[in-house]
Protein backbone atom coordinates (compact mmCIF):
# COMPACT_ATOMS: atom_id res chain seq x y z
CA MET A 1 78.54 -102.60 -141.08
CA ALA A 2 80.08 -99.88 -143.27
CA ASN A 3 79.77 -96.23 -142.39
CA ILE A 4 77.94 -94.01 -144.84
CA SER A 5 79.94 -91.17 -146.37
CA LYS A 6 79.92 -88.94 -149.43
CA LYS A 7 82.14 -91.45 -151.27
CA TYR A 8 79.94 -94.37 -150.24
CA ILE A 9 76.83 -92.56 -151.54
CA ASP A 10 78.60 -91.48 -154.75
CA ASP A 11 79.75 -95.07 -155.37
CA HIS A 12 76.17 -96.27 -155.11
CA LYS A 13 74.70 -93.45 -157.19
CA GLN A 14 76.60 -94.92 -160.13
CA ASN A 15 74.24 -97.93 -160.14
CA VAL A 16 71.12 -95.81 -160.66
CA HIS A 17 71.11 -96.12 -164.46
CA THR A 18 70.17 -99.07 -166.66
CA VAL A 19 71.21 -99.09 -170.32
CA ASP A 20 67.80 -97.60 -171.22
CA SER A 21 67.85 -94.89 -168.57
CA PHE A 22 71.46 -93.99 -169.43
CA GLY A 23 70.44 -93.46 -173.06
CA ARG A 24 67.36 -91.47 -172.04
CA SER A 25 69.42 -89.26 -169.70
CA LEU A 26 72.02 -88.68 -172.39
CA ILE A 27 69.43 -87.73 -175.02
CA GLU A 28 67.55 -85.52 -172.55
CA GLN A 29 70.74 -83.63 -171.67
CA ILE A 30 71.60 -83.19 -175.36
CA LEU A 31 68.13 -81.77 -176.01
CA ASN A 32 68.38 -79.46 -172.96
CA GLU A 33 71.74 -78.18 -174.18
CA SER A 34 70.28 -77.71 -177.68
CA ILE A 35 67.48 -75.54 -176.26
CA LYS A 36 70.02 -73.36 -174.45
CA LYS A 37 72.28 -73.12 -177.48
CA ILE A 38 69.61 -72.25 -180.06
CA GLY A 39 67.76 -69.69 -177.94
CA GLU A 40 65.08 -67.96 -180.01
CA GLU A 41 66.79 -68.65 -183.34
CA GLU A 42 65.95 -71.27 -185.94
CA LYS A 43 68.72 -73.32 -187.54
CA GLU A 44 69.00 -76.23 -189.89
CA SER A 45 71.17 -78.12 -187.38
CA LEU A 46 73.20 -77.78 -184.18
CA THR A 47 76.36 -79.40 -182.91
CA ILE A 48 76.56 -80.35 -179.24
CA ASP A 49 79.97 -81.24 -177.83
CA ALA A 50 80.24 -84.21 -175.49
CA LYS A 51 83.17 -86.22 -174.18
CA PHE A 52 83.07 -89.90 -173.22
CA LYS A 53 85.39 -91.57 -170.72
CA ILE A 54 85.70 -95.30 -170.07
CA GLN A 55 87.60 -96.66 -167.09
CA ALA A 56 87.92 -99.65 -164.80
CA PHE A 57 85.97 -99.07 -161.63
CA GLU A 58 87.39 -100.96 -158.66
CA PRO A 59 84.69 -100.80 -155.98
CA ALA A 60 82.30 -102.69 -158.24
CA THR A 61 84.91 -104.51 -160.43
CA CYS A 62 83.21 -103.27 -163.56
CA ILE A 63 83.70 -100.79 -166.38
CA ARG A 64 82.42 -97.28 -165.89
CA LEU A 65 81.35 -95.31 -168.97
CA CYS A 66 80.71 -91.60 -168.42
CA THR A 67 79.84 -88.71 -170.66
CA ASN A 68 79.77 -85.04 -169.88
CA VAL A 69 77.45 -82.67 -171.72
CA ASN A 70 77.94 -79.04 -170.68
CA GLY A 71 79.06 -79.93 -167.17
CA VAL A 72 76.43 -82.63 -166.53
CA GLU A 73 78.06 -86.04 -166.05
CA ILE A 74 76.04 -89.19 -166.77
CA CYS A 75 77.61 -92.57 -165.94
CA TYR A 76 76.74 -96.20 -166.56
CA HIS A 77 78.43 -99.31 -165.14
CA VAL A 78 78.99 -102.41 -167.24
CA ASN A 79 79.19 -105.30 -164.76
CA MET A 80 81.16 -108.51 -165.24
């Protein structure tokens, strides 16, 4: 039996999202950031910066796709 650790828990947290929940989380974070950015003003449009990272993820032999919107990282695993 494996011991539980921060890394073990973090590795398993990555499997929380489905494609649908990943999209929902991403959109929710973009809307939250938009609310912070616009404040009490009204604008025709806003631009929200986000970065995406794709990498091989060894513990699960899959691809890990992550985005970061204002310090909040959301990841999804694409399994083989």
